[in-house]
Amino acid sequence: MPNDKPLKPDDFPVEVEGEKLVTADGKPIAKAKTPAIAEDIADRLNEDDYRKGMDRWSA
């Protein structure tokens, strides 16, 4: 499931389907070794996107 394109703001929030990470519209972007790892990755990506959004508004 290789995807060399960077994530865009419209791709968030990233969601988890088992071991797969998918964009907000359901497109697969990655596969983790376990569902727990997938959840951790999604949480980190979503938190980073949220912080970037807050930084844009606070500037």
PDB file of N, CA and C in Angstrom:
ATOM      1  N   MET A   1       0.819  -1.176   0.000  1.00  0.00           N
ATOM      2  CA  MET A   1       0.000   0.000   0.000  1.00  0.00           C
ATOM      3  C   MET A   1       0.871   1.250   0.000  1.00  0.00           C
ATOM      4  N   PRO A   2       1.897   1.293  -0.828  1.00  0.00           N
ATOM      5  CA  PRO A   2       2.781   2.454  -0.847  1.00  0.00           C
ATOM      6  C   PRO A   2       2.065   3.696  -1.386  1.00  0.00           C
ATOM      7  N   ASN A   3       2.310   4.788  -0.714  1.00  0.00           N
ATOM      8  CA  ASN A   3       1.738   6.063  -1.125  1.00  0.00           C
ATOM      9  C   ASN A   3       2.815   7.113  -0.878  1.00  0.00           C
ATOM     10  N   ASP A   4       3.437   7.575  -1.940  1.00  0.00           N
ATOM     11  CA  ASP A   4       4.549   8.508  -1.798  1.00  0.00           C
ATOM     12  C   ASP A   4       4.102   9.958  -1.691  1.00  0.00           C
ATOM     13  N   LYS A   5       2.805  10.218  -1.756  1.00  0.00           N
ATOM     14  CA  LYS A   5       2.304  11.584  -1.689  1.00  0.00           C
ATOM     15  C   LYS A   5       2.165  12.017  -0.237  1.00  0.00           C
ATOM     16  N   PRO A   6       2.521  13.271   0.081  1.00  0.00           N
ATOM     17  CA  PRO A   6       2.349  13.750   1.457  1.00  0.00           C
ATOM     18  C   PRO A   6       0.860  13.894   1.779  1.00  0.00           C
ATOM     19  N   LEU A   7       0.550  13.783   3.057  1.00  0.00           N
ATOM     20  CA  LEU A   7      -0.831  13.963   3.494  1.00  0.00           C
ATOM     21  C   LEU A   7      -1.229  15.425   3.375  1.00  0.00           C
ATOM     22  N   LYS A   8      -2.475  15.662   3.031  1.00  0.00           N
ATOM     23  CA  LYS A   8      -3.013  17.012   2.890  1.00  0.00           C
ATOM     24  C   LYS A   8      -3.993  17.262   4.033  1.00  0.00           C
ATOM     25  N   PRO A   9      -4.298  18.513   4.319  1.00  0.00           N
ATOM     26  CA  PRO A   9      -5.254  18.803   5.395  1.00  0.00           C
ATOM     27  C   PRO A   9      -6.597  18.098   5.218  1.00  0.00           C
ATOM     28  N   ASP A  10      -7.023  17.894   3.981  1.00  0.00           N
ATOM     29  CA  ASP A  10      -8.301  17.208   3.740  1.00  0.00           C
ATOM     30  C   ASP A  10      -8.249  15.724   4.106  1.00  0.00           C
ATOM     31  N   ASP A  11      -7.050  15.168   4.276  1.00  0.00           N
ATOM     32  CA  ASP A  11      -6.901  13.757   4.616  1.00  0.00           C
ATOM     33  C   ASP A  11      -7.193  13.484   6.098  1.00  0.00           C
ATOM     34  N   PHE A  12      -7.258  14.505   6.899  1.00  0.00           N
ATOM     35  CA  PHE A  12      -7.430  14.349   8.341  1.00  0.00           C
ATOM     36  C   PHE A  12      -8.882  14.471   8.737  1.00  0.00           C
ATOM     37  N   PRO A  13      -9.282  13.825   9.812  1.00  0.00           N
ATOM     38  CA  PRO A  13      -8.456  13.012  10.698  1.00  0.00           C
ATOM     39  C   PRO A  13      -8.164  11.643  10.084  1.00  0.00           C
ATOM     40  N   VAL A  14      -6.982  11.144  10.395  1.00  0.00           N
ATOM     41  CA  VAL A  14      -6.593   9.806   9.965  1.00  0.00           C
ATOM     42  C   VAL A  14      -7.339   8.826  10.868  1.00  0.00           C
ATOM     43  N   GLU A  15      -7.874   7.780  10.268  1.00  0.00           N
ATOM     44  CA  GLU A  15      -8.641   6.784  11.011  1.00  0.00           C
ATOM     45  C   GLU A  15      -7.979   5.422  10.898  1.00  0.00           C
ATOM     46  N   VAL A  16      -8.416   4.507  11.742  1.00  0.00           N
ATOM     47  CA  VAL A  16      -7.833   3.165  11.775  1.00  0.00           C
ATOM     48  C   VAL A  16      -8.909   2.139  11.456  1.00  0.00           C
ATOM     49  N   GLU A  17      -8.567   1.209  10.597  1.00  0.00           N
ATOM     50  CA  GLU A  17      -9.413   0.055  10.282  1.00  0.00           C
ATOM     51  C   GLU A  17      -8.558  -1.187  10.470  1.00  0.00           C
ATOM     52  N   GLY A  18      -8.605  -1.748  11.653  1.00  0.00           N
ATOM     53  CA  GLY A  18      -7.749  -2.893  11.965  1.00  0.00           C
ATOM     54  C   GLY A  18      -6.305  -2.450  12.021  1.00  0.00           C
ATOM     55  N   GLU A  19      -5.499  -2.952  11.106  1.00  0.00           N
ATOM     56  CA  GLU A  19      -4.080  -2.577  11.039  1.00  0.00           C
ATOM     57  C   GLU A  19      -3.825  -1.484  10.006  1.00  0.00           C
ATOM     58  N   LYS A  20      -4.859  -1.056   9.291  1.00  0.00           N
ATOM     59  CA  LYS A  20      -4.704  -0.062   8.228  1.00  0.00           C
ATOM     60  C   LYS A  20      -4.997   1.342   8.736  1.00  0.00           C
ATOM     61  N   LEU A  21      -4.211   2.298   8.257  1.00  0.00           N
ATOM     62  CA  LEU A  21      -4.489   3.707   8.483  1.00  0.00           C
ATOM     63  C   LEU A  21      -5.127   4.228   7.210  1.00  0.00           C
ATOM     64  N   VAL A  22      -6.229   4.951   7.365  1.00  0.00           N
ATOM     65  CA  VAL A  22      -6.951   5.474   6.208  1.00  0.00           C
ATOM     66  C   VAL A  22      -7.227   6.956   6.402  1.00  0.00           C
ATOM     67  N   THR A  23      -7.370   7.655   5.273  1.00  0.00           N
ATOM     68  CA  THR A  23      -7.687   9.076   5.324  1.00  0.00           C
ATOM     69  C   THR A  23      -9.149   9.248   5.719  1.00  0.00           C
ATOM     70  N   ALA A  24      -9.554  10.484   5.923  1.00  0.00           N
ATOM     71  CA  ALA A  24     -10.928  10.785   6.326  1.00  0.00           C
ATOM     72  C   ALA A  24     -11.940  10.262   5.312  1.00  0.00           C
ATOM     73  N   ASP A  25     -11.548  10.177   4.047  1.00  0.00           N
ATOM     74  CA  ASP A  25     -12.480   9.677   3.036  1.00  0.00           C
ATOM     75  C   ASP A  25     -12.283   8.190   2.734  1.00  0.00           C
ATOM     76  N   GLY A  26     -11.520   7.494   3.580  1.00  0.00           N
ATOM     77  CA  GLY A  26     -11.388   6.046   3.484  1.00  0.00           C
ATOM     78  C   GLY A  26     -10.293   5.509   2.599  1.00  0.00           C
ATOM     79  N   LYS A  27      -9.411   6.358   2.077  1.00  0.00           N
ATOM     80  CA  LYS A  27      -8.315   5.875   1.234  1.00  0.00           C
ATOM     81  C   LYS A  27      -7.194   5.333   2.119  1.00  0.00           C
ATOM     82  N   PRO A  28      -6.736   4.105   1.873  1.00  0.00           N
ATOM     83  CA  PRO A  28      -5.651   3.543   2.680  1.00  0.00           C
ATOM     84  C   PRO A  28      -4.340   4.295   2.449  1.00  0.00           C
ATOM     85  N   ILE A  29      -3.619   4.547   3.555  1.00  0.00           N
ATOM     86  CA  ILE A  29      -2.341   5.249   3.432  1.00  0.00           C
ATOM     87  C   ILE A  29      -1.172   4.464   4.014  1.00  0.00           C
ATOM     88  N   ALA A  30      -1.457   3.514   4.920  1.00  0.00           N
ATOM     89  CA  ALA A  30      -0.371   2.741   5.518  1.00  0.00           C
ATOM     90  C   ALA A  30      -0.938   1.516   6.221  1.00  0.00           C
ATOM     91  N   LYS A  31      -0.049   0.586   6.533  1.00  0.00           N
ATOM     92  CA  LYS A  31      -0.433  -0.592   7.292  1.00  0.00           C
ATOM     93  C   LYS A  31       0.593  -0.783   8.408  1.00  0.00           C
ATOM     94  N   ALA A  32       0.104  -0.956   9.616  1.00  0.00           N
ATOM     95  CA  ALA A  32       0.973  -1.172  10.768  1.00  0.00           C
ATOM     96  C   ALA A  32       1.036  -2.667  11.079  1.00  0.00           C
ATOM     97  N   LYS A  33       1.965  -3.040  11.956  1.00  0.00           N
ATOM     98  CA  LYS A  33       2.096  -4.453  12.315  1.00  0.00           C
ATOM     99  C   LYS A  33       0.939  -4.931  13.189  1.00  0.00           C
ATOM    100  N   THR A  34       0.403  -4.034  14.021  1.00  0.00           N
ATOM    101  CA  THR A  34      -0.708  -4.406  14.902  1.00  0.00           C
ATOM    102  C   THR A  34      -1.725  -3.272  14.944  1.00  0.00           C
ATOM    103  N   PRO A  35      -2.959  -3.575  15.323  1.00  0.00           N
ATOM    104  CA  PRO A  35      -3.952  -2.506  15.480  1.00  0.00           C
ATOM    105  C   PRO A  35      -3.543  -1.465  16.527  1.00  0.00           C
ATOM    106  N   ALA A  36      -2.864  -1.893  17.579  1.00  0.00           N
ATOM    107  CA  ALA A  36      -2.428  -0.954  18.620  1.00  0.00           C
ATOM    108  C   ALA A  36      -1.421   0.054  18.061  1.00  0.00           C
ATOM    109  N   ILE A  37      -0.510  -0.418  17.239  1.00  0.00           N
ATOM    110  CA  ILE A  37       0.471   0.475  16.617  1.00  0.00           C
ATOM    111  C   ILE A  37      -0.232   1.418  15.648  1.00  0.00           C
ATOM    112  N   ALA A  38      -1.195   0.906  14.901  1.00  0.00           N
ATOM    113  CA  ALA A  38      -1.951   1.745  13.980  1.00  0.00           C
ATOM    114  C   ALA A  38      -2.663   2.865  14.739  1.00  0.00           C
ATOM    115  N   GLU A  39      -3.271   2.535  15.877  1.00  0.00           N
ATOM    116  CA  GLU A  39      -3.948   3.545  16.704  1.00  0.00           C
ATOM    117  C   GLU A  39      -2.961   4.610  17.173  1.00  0.00           C
ATOM    118  N   ASP A  40      -1.784   4.182  17.618  1.00  0.00           N
ATOM    119  CA  ASP A  40      -0.771   5.119  18.099  1.00  0.00           C
ATOM    120  C   ASP A  40      -0.325   6.060  16.973  1.00  0.00           C
ATOM    121  N   ILE A  41      -0.090   5.504  15.806  1.00  0.00           N
ATOM    122  CA  ILE A  41       0.339   6.329  14.665  1.00  0.00           C
ATOM    123  C   ILE A  41      -0.749   7.323  14.299  1.00  0.00           C
ATOM    124  N   ALA A  42      -1.986   6.867  14.225  1.00  0.00           N
ATOM    125  CA  ALA A  42      -3.100   7.758  13.881  1.00  0.00           C
ATOM    126  C   ALA A  42      -3.235   8.873  14.911  1.00  0.00           C
ATOM    127  N   ASP A  43      -3.140   8.525  16.196  1.00  0.00           N
ATOM    128  CA  ASP A  43      -3.230   9.541  17.247  1.00  0.00           C
ATOM    129  C   ASP A  43      -2.139  10.595  17.088  1.00  0.00           C
ATOM    130  N   ARG A  44      -0.929  10.153  16.812  1.00  0.00           N
ATOM    131  CA  ARG A  44       0.184  11.095  16.653  1.00  0.00           C
ATOM    132  C   ARG A  44       0.008  11.986  15.422  1.00  0.00           C
ATOM    133  N   LEU A  45      -0.418  11.397  14.326  1.00  0.00           N
ATOM    134  CA  LEU A  45      -0.636  12.191  13.110  1.00  0.00           C
ATOM    135  C   LEU A  45      -1.752  13.214  13.322  1.00  0.00           C
ATOM    136  N   ASN A  46      -2.843  12.782  13.935  1.00  0.00           N
ATOM    137  CA  ASN A  46      -3.964  13.689  14.165  1.00  0.00           C
ATOM    138  C   ASN A  46      -3.593  14.800  15.145  1.00  0.00           C
ATOM    139  N   GLU A  47      -2.832  14.462  16.184  1.00  0.00           N
ATOM    140  CA  GLU A  47      -2.398  15.478  17.147  1.00  0.00           C
ATOM    141  C   GLU A  47      -1.488  16.505  16.469  1.00  0.00           C
ATOM    142  N   ASP A  48      -0.570  16.023  15.632  1.00  0.00           N
ATOM    143  CA  ASP A  48       0.335  16.928  14.923  1.00  0.00           C
ATOM    144  C   ASP A  48      -0.445  17.856  13.994  1.00  0.00           C
ATOM    145  N   ASP A  49      -1.421  17.308  13.282  1.00  0.00           N
ATOM    146  CA  ASP A  49      -2.239  18.127  12.391  1.00  0.00           C
ATOM    147  C   ASP A  49      -3.031  19.168  13.191  1.00  0.00           C
ATOM    148  N   TYR A  50      -3.548  18.778  14.344  1.00  0.00           N
ATOM    149  CA  TYR A  50      -4.303  19.705  15.192  1.00  0.00           C
ATOM    150  C   TYR A  50      -3.405  20.852  15.654  1.00  0.00           C
ATOM    151  N   ARG A  51      -2.189  20.513  16.108  1.00  0.00           N
ATOM    152  CA  ARG A  51      -1.251  21.551  16.559  1.00  0.00           C
ATOM    153  C   ARG A  51      -0.892  22.498  15.428  1.00  0.00           C
ATOM    154  N   LYS A  52      -0.668  21.973  14.249  1.00  0.00           N
ATOM    155  CA  LYS A  52      -0.352  22.831  13.106  1.00  0.00           C
ATOM    156  C   LYS A  52      -1.509  23.792  12.818  1.00  0.00           C
ATOM    157  N   GLY A  53      -2.726  23.293  12.922  1.00  0.00           N
ATOM    158  CA  GLY A  53      -3.896  24.142  12.721  1.00  0.00           C
ATOM    159  C   GLY A  53      -3.985  25.241  13.758  1.00  0.00           C
ATOM    160  N   MET A  54      -3.691  24.910  14.997  1.00  0.00           N
ATOM    161  CA  MET A  54      -3.719  25.922  16.071  1.00  0.00           C
ATOM    162  C   MET A  54      -2.621  26.954  15.872  1.00  0.00           C
ATOM    163  N   ASP A  55      -1.461  26.504  15.409  1.00  0.00           N
ATOM    164  CA  ASP A  55      -0.351  27.437  15.151  1.00  0.00           C
ATOM    165  C   ASP A  55      -0.710  28.426  14.043  1.00  0.00           C
ATOM    166  N   ARG A  56      -1.432  27.966  13.031  1.00  0.00           N
ATOM    167  CA  ARG A  56      -1.838  28.870  11.956  1.00  0.00           C
ATOM    168  C   ARG A  56      -2.784  29.950  12.474  1.00  0.00           C
ATOM    169  N   TRP A  57      -3.684  29.567  13.362  1.00  0.00           N
ATOM    170  CA  TRP A  57      -4.655  30.532  13.877  1.00  0.00           C
ATOM    171  C   TRP A  57      -4.055  31.475  14.902  1.00  0.00           C
ATOM    172  N   SER A  58      -3.006  31.049  15.611  1.00  0.00           N
ATOM    173  CA  SER A  58      -2.444  31.885  16.653  1.00  0.00           C
ATOM    174  C   SER A  58      -1.412  32.867  16.109  1.00  0.00           C
ATOM    175  N   ALA A  59      -0.963  32.669  14.896  1.00  0.00           N
ATOM    176  CA  ALA A  59       0.086  33.531  14.329  1.00  0.00           C
ATOM    177  C   ALA A  59      -0.467  34.852  13.838  1.00  0.00           C
TER     178      ALA A  59
END
